[in-house]
Protein backbone atom coordinates (compact mmCIF):
# COMPACT_ATOMS: atom_id res chain seq x y z
CA UNK A 1 -69.35 -67.52 -76.33
CA UNK A 2 -69.24 -65.63 -73.10
CA UNK A 3 -71.19 -68.36 -71.44
CA UNK A 4 -68.64 -70.85 -72.69
CA UNK A 5 -65.70 -68.87 -71.25
CA UNK A 6 -67.42 -68.70 -67.89
CA UNK A 7 -67.85 -72.44 -67.88
CA UNK A 8 -64.18 -72.95 -68.76
CA UNK A 9 -63.11 -70.61 -65.98
CA UNK A 10 -65.22 -72.43 -63.44
CA UNK A 11 -63.84 -75.79 -64.58
CA UNK A 12 -60.35 -74.46 -64.37
CA UNK A 13 -60.94 -73.10 -60.90
CA UNK A 14 -62.39 -76.39 -59.82
CA UNK A 15 -59.52 -78.39 -61.37
CA UNK A 16 -56.69 -76.18 -60.08
CA UNK A 17 -57.95 -74.60 -56.87
CA UNK A 18 -54.39 -73.99 -55.39
CA UNK A 19 -53.01 -71.75 -58.13
CA UNK A 20 -54.98 -68.72 -57.06
CA UNK A 21 -54.27 -69.40 -53.42
CA UNK A 22 -50.60 -69.89 -54.21
CA UNK A 23 -50.59 -66.61 -56.04
CA UNK A 24 -52.17 -64.84 -53.13
CA UNK A 25 -49.83 -66.60 -50.70
CA UNK A 26 -46.87 -65.65 -52.84
CA UNK A 27 -48.11 -62.08 -52.84
CA UNK A 28 -48.60 -62.26 -49.07
CA UNK A 29 -45.14 -63.82 -48.61
CA UNK A 30 -43.58 -61.21 -50.82
CA UNK A 31 -45.36 -58.53 -48.89
CA UNK A 32 -44.28 -60.05 -45.58
CA UNK A 33 -40.69 -60.43 -46.78
CA UNK A 34 -40.61 -56.84 -47.94
CA UNK A 35 -41.94 -55.72 -44.56
CA UNK A 36 -39.32 -57.85 -42.78
CA UNK A 37 -36.51 -56.46 -44.93
CA UNK A 38 -37.75 -52.94 -44.30
CA UNK A 39 -37.94 -53.66 -40.57
CA UNK A 40 -34.39 -55.09 -40.54
CA UNK A 41 -33.11 -52.08 -42.47
CA UNK A 42 -34.77 -49.77 -39.96
CA UNK A 43 -33.26 -51.73 -37.04
CA UNK A 44 -29.79 -51.63 -38.66
CA UNK A 45 -30.14 -47.92 -39.28
CA UNK A 46 -31.30 -47.38 -35.69
CA UNK A 47 -28.41 -49.45 -34.29
CA UNK A 48 -25.89 -47.55 -36.41
CA UNK A 49 -27.22 -44.20 -35.23
CA UNK A 50 -27.16 -45.38 -31.62
CA UNK A 51 -23.54 -46.58 -31.96
CA UNK A 52 -22.60 -43.23 -33.49
CA UNK A 53 -24.24 -41.40 -30.62
CA UNK A 54 -22.50 -43.64 -28.08
CA UNK A 55 -19.12 -43.05 -29.73
CA UNK A 56 -19.73 -39.30 -29.71
CA UNK A 57 -20.66 -39.39 -26.04
CA UNK A 58 -17.55 -41.43 -25.26
CA UNK A 59 -15.33 -38.93 -27.09
CA UNK A 60 -16.94 -35.99 -25.28
CA UNK A 61 -16.53 -37.75 -21.93
CA UNK A 62 -12.88 -38.60 -22.66
CA UNK A 63 -12.02 -35.05 -23.74
CA UNK A 64 -13.88 -33.59 -20.76
CA UNK A 65 -11.99 -35.90 -18.39
CA UNK A 66 -8.62 -34.90 -19.88
CA UNK A 67 -9.49 -31.20 -19.60
CA UNK A 68 -10.67 -31.67 -16.00
CA UNK A 69 -7.41 -33.43 -15.08
CA UNK A 70 -5.33 -30.67 -16.70
CA UNK A 71 -7.29 -27.94 -14.92
CA UNK A 72 -7.04 -29.77 -11.58
CA UNK A 73 -3.30 -30.24 -12.07
CA UNK A 74 -2.82 -26.56 -12.88
CA UNK A 75 -4.83 -25.48 -9.83
CA UNK A 76 -2.92 -27.89 -7.57
CA UNK A 77 0.46 -26.71 -8.88
CA UNK A 78 -0.52 -23.06 -8.44
CA UNK A 79 -1.71 -23.73 -4.89
CA UNK A 80 1.52 -25.51 -3.99
CA UNK A 81 3.62 -22.69 -5.43
CA UNK A 82 1.62 -20.06 -3.55
CA UNK A 83 1.86 -22.03 -0.29
CA UNK A 84 5.57 -22.60 -0.70
CA UNK A 85 6.19 -18.88 -1.19
CA UNK A 86 3.81 -17.63 1.46
CA UNK A 87 5.63 -15.89 4.31
CA UNK A 88 8.85 -15.66 2.30
CA UNK A 89 10.14 -12.23 1.38
CA UNK A 90 11.14 -11.97 -2.34
CA UNK A 91 14.91 -12.09 -2.84
CA UNK A 92 15.36 -13.17 0.76
CA UNK A 93 18.45 -15.38 1.18
CA UNK A 94 18.11 -18.69 3.02
CA UNK A 95 18.19 -18.29 6.81
CA UNK A 96 21.63 -18.98 8.34
CA UNK A 97 22.36 -22.50 9.53
CA UNK A 98 23.19 -21.21 13.00
CA UNK A 99 19.50 -21.37 13.87
CA UNK A 100 19.34 -25.14 13.55
CA UNK A 101 17.96 -27.47 10.91
CA UNK A 102 14.36 -26.24 11.15
CA UNK A 103 13.60 -22.53 10.93
CA UNK A 104 10.64 -21.55 13.11
CA UNK A 105 10.57 -17.91 12.06
CA UNK A 106 13.06 -15.49 10.57
CA UNK A 107 13.13 -11.73 10.44
CA UNK A 108 13.75 -10.90 6.79
CA UNK A 109 16.73 -8.97 5.46
CA UNK A 110 16.20 -5.46 6.78
CA UNK A 111 15.27 -3.65 9.97
CA UNK A 112 11.97 -2.60 8.39
CA UNK A 113 11.02 -6.20 7.55
CA UNK A 114 12.09 -7.36 11.00
CA UNK A 115 9.83 -4.86 12.74
CA UNK A 116 6.93 -5.75 10.43
CA UNK A 117 7.34 -9.41 11.43
CA UNK A 118 7.33 -8.55 15.14
CA UNK A 119 11.03 -9.24 15.70
CA UNK A 120 13.02 -7.54 18.46
CA UNK A 121 16.57 -6.23 18.51
CA UNK A 122 18.88 -8.21 20.82
CA UNK A 123 22.12 -6.37 21.56
CA UNK A 124 23.88 -9.50 22.87
CA UNK A 125 23.00 -11.60 19.83
CA UNK A 126 23.56 -8.52 17.71
CA UNK A 127 20.57 -9.19 15.52
CA UNK A 128 16.82 -9.15 15.13
CA UNK A 129 15.19 -12.10 16.88
CA UNK A 130 11.66 -13.40 16.80
CA UNK A 131 9.93 -13.39 20.24
CA UNK A 132 9.71 -17.19 20.07
CA UNK A 133 13.51 -17.34 20.33
CA UNK A 134 14.27 -14.24 22.39
CA UNK A 135 15.15 -14.45 26.08
CA UNK A 136 15.03 -10.73 26.90
CA UNK A 137 15.66 -11.22 30.60
CA UNK A 138 18.90 -13.11 29.98
CA UNK A 139 20.04 -10.65 27.32
CA UNK A 140 19.41 -7.66 29.60
CA UNK A 141 21.26 -9.37 32.45
CA UNK A 142 24.36 -9.93 30.30
CA UNK A 143 24.29 -6.40 28.90
CA UNK A 144 24.03 -4.91 32.40
CA UNK A 145 26.74 -7.13 33.87
CA UNK A 146 29.37 -6.89 31.11
CA UNK A 147 28.46 -3.59 29.48
CA UNK A 148 28.20 -0.88 28.58
CA UNK A 149 30.03 -1.37 25.31
CA UNK A 150 31.34 1.26 22.95
CA UNK A 151 29.87 1.53 19.45
CA UNK A 152 31.12 3.60 16.52
CA UNK A 153 30.47 4.14 12.85
CA UNK A 154 33.20 4.15 10.24
CA UNK A 155 33.55 7.85 9.53
CA UNK A 156 35.87 7.35 6.57
CA UNK A 157 39.04 8.37 8.36
CA UNK A 158 42.41 6.67 8.06
CA UNK A 159 42.46 2.88 7.60
CA UNK A 160 45.32 0.41 7.52
CA UNK A 161 46.33 -2.03 4.76
CA UNK A 162 43.42 -4.32 5.71
CA UNK A 163 41.00 -1.40 5.48
CA UNK A 164 40.47 -1.44 9.24
CA UNK A 165 40.15 1.94 11.03
CA UNK A 166 43.36 3.06 12.61
CA UNK A 167 43.15 3.21 16.42
CA UNK A 168 41.77 6.50 17.63
CA UNK A 169 40.11 7.45 14.36
CA UNK A 170 36.59 6.30 15.28
CA UNK A 171 35.14 9.47 16.68
CA UNK A 172 31.43 9.07 15.90
CA UNK A 173 29.83 7.03 18.68
CA UNK A 174 26.48 5.28 18.22
CA UNK A 175 23.68 4.96 20.73
CA UNK A 176 21.95 1.64 21.36
CA UNK A 177 18.89 2.89 19.49
CA UNK A 178 20.96 3.72 16.38
CA UNK A 179 22.82 0.40 16.16
CA UNK A 180 20.01 -1.71 14.59
CA UNK A 181 19.74 0.72 11.67
CA UNK A 182 23.44 1.35 10.99
CA UNK A 183 25.04 -0.09 7.85
CA UNK A 184 28.40 -0.68 9.52
CA UNK A 185 29.26 -0.76 13.23
CA UNK A 186 32.57 -0.98 15.06
CA UNK A 187 32.97 -2.13 18.66
CA UNK A 188 35.54 -3.46 21.11
CA UNK A 189 37.11 -6.89 21.37
CA UNK A 190 35.50 -7.19 24.79
CA UNK A 191 32.01 -7.09 23.31
CA UNK A 192 32.97 -9.61 20.65
CA UNK A 193 34.04 -12.11 23.32
CA UNK A 194 30.91 -11.58 25.41
CA UNK A 195 28.74 -11.92 22.33
CA UNK A 196 30.23 -15.35 21.57
CA UNK A 197 29.90 -16.49 25.19
CA UNK A 198 26.30 -15.33 25.25
CA UNK A 199 25.47 -17.49 22.23
CA UNK A 200 27.12 -20.47 23.93
CA UNK A 201 25.00 -19.69 26.99
CA UNK A 202 21.88 -19.89 24.82
CA UNK A 203 22.95 -23.36 23.66
CA UNK A 204 23.40 -24.33 27.32
CA UNK A 205 19.90 -23.06 28.13
CA UNK A 206 18.52 -25.08 25.22
CA UNK A 207 20.20 -28.20 26.62
CA UNK A 208 18.71 -27.58 30.08
CA UNK A 209 15.26 -27.27 28.49
CA UNK A 210 15.73 -30.57 26.63
CA UNK A 211 15.66 -28.77 23.30
CA UNK A 212 17.44 -30.53 20.40
CA UNK A 213 20.52 -28.33 20.73
CA UNK A 214 22.67 -30.97 19.02
CA UNK A 215 20.87 -30.07 15.76
CA UNK A 216 22.42 -26.60 15.83
CA UNK A 217 25.03 -26.21 13.11
CA UNK A 218 27.29 -23.29 12.47
CA UNK A 219 30.30 -22.75 10.21
CA UNK A 220 33.66 -22.88 11.95
CA UNK A 221 36.80 -21.14 10.73
CA UNK A 222 40.25 -21.83 12.13
CA UNK A 223 41.77 -18.65 13.57
CA UNK A 224 45.06 -18.00 15.31
CA UNK A 225 44.09 -15.81 18.25
CA UNK A 226 45.61 -14.61 21.49
CA UNK A 227 44.92 -16.38 24.75
CA UNK A 228 43.13 -14.00 27.11
CA UNK A 229 41.64 -14.13 30.59
CA UNK A 230 38.13 -12.96 31.34
CA UNK A 231 37.74 -10.73 34.37
């Protein structure tokens, strides 16, 4: 019986030789297909992970760029603010327009600040002046020629309806060294006239030196004054 089954199997194999091969090919194909599917799945998974990493990197780069721009803007703004305030005394009012449209240097708002900035007292200009703008030789010449002038402090004696000292009540004279540090100073009309002429002389000197004197601006008030002669 066993011999008979072997014969049948051999006949069957001889008659249908492709069935076994087909089976093995199908198994091979199935195996290959499974491997291909697994490979595709792995590639898809790999691509997805790579895209996720790329997106993360892009987000980090974008956020870092924004932060860098903000920090740079803050540093730039701080630098500009510091530069704009450098050399300016806190609570210092704008320099007067009499100096022209461009201020080269100003002397602060007190005698102490003026001396710290290297400014000098000019009796004819009646103010602290930076050496860049101070013609000491001309100032001394005017003071020697038209002076000396009388200087007084308001000692609180009798004043008129306009709160001006009554003639003859100013009895506390000031020396030239005390004037720059006095809160209030009284002088003669003669000095006032020479002071104004001296400033006009400085404009004339600026014109002779080809300086842009026409840029000088100063407020003008209309006054009704007496006509006088200068001797």
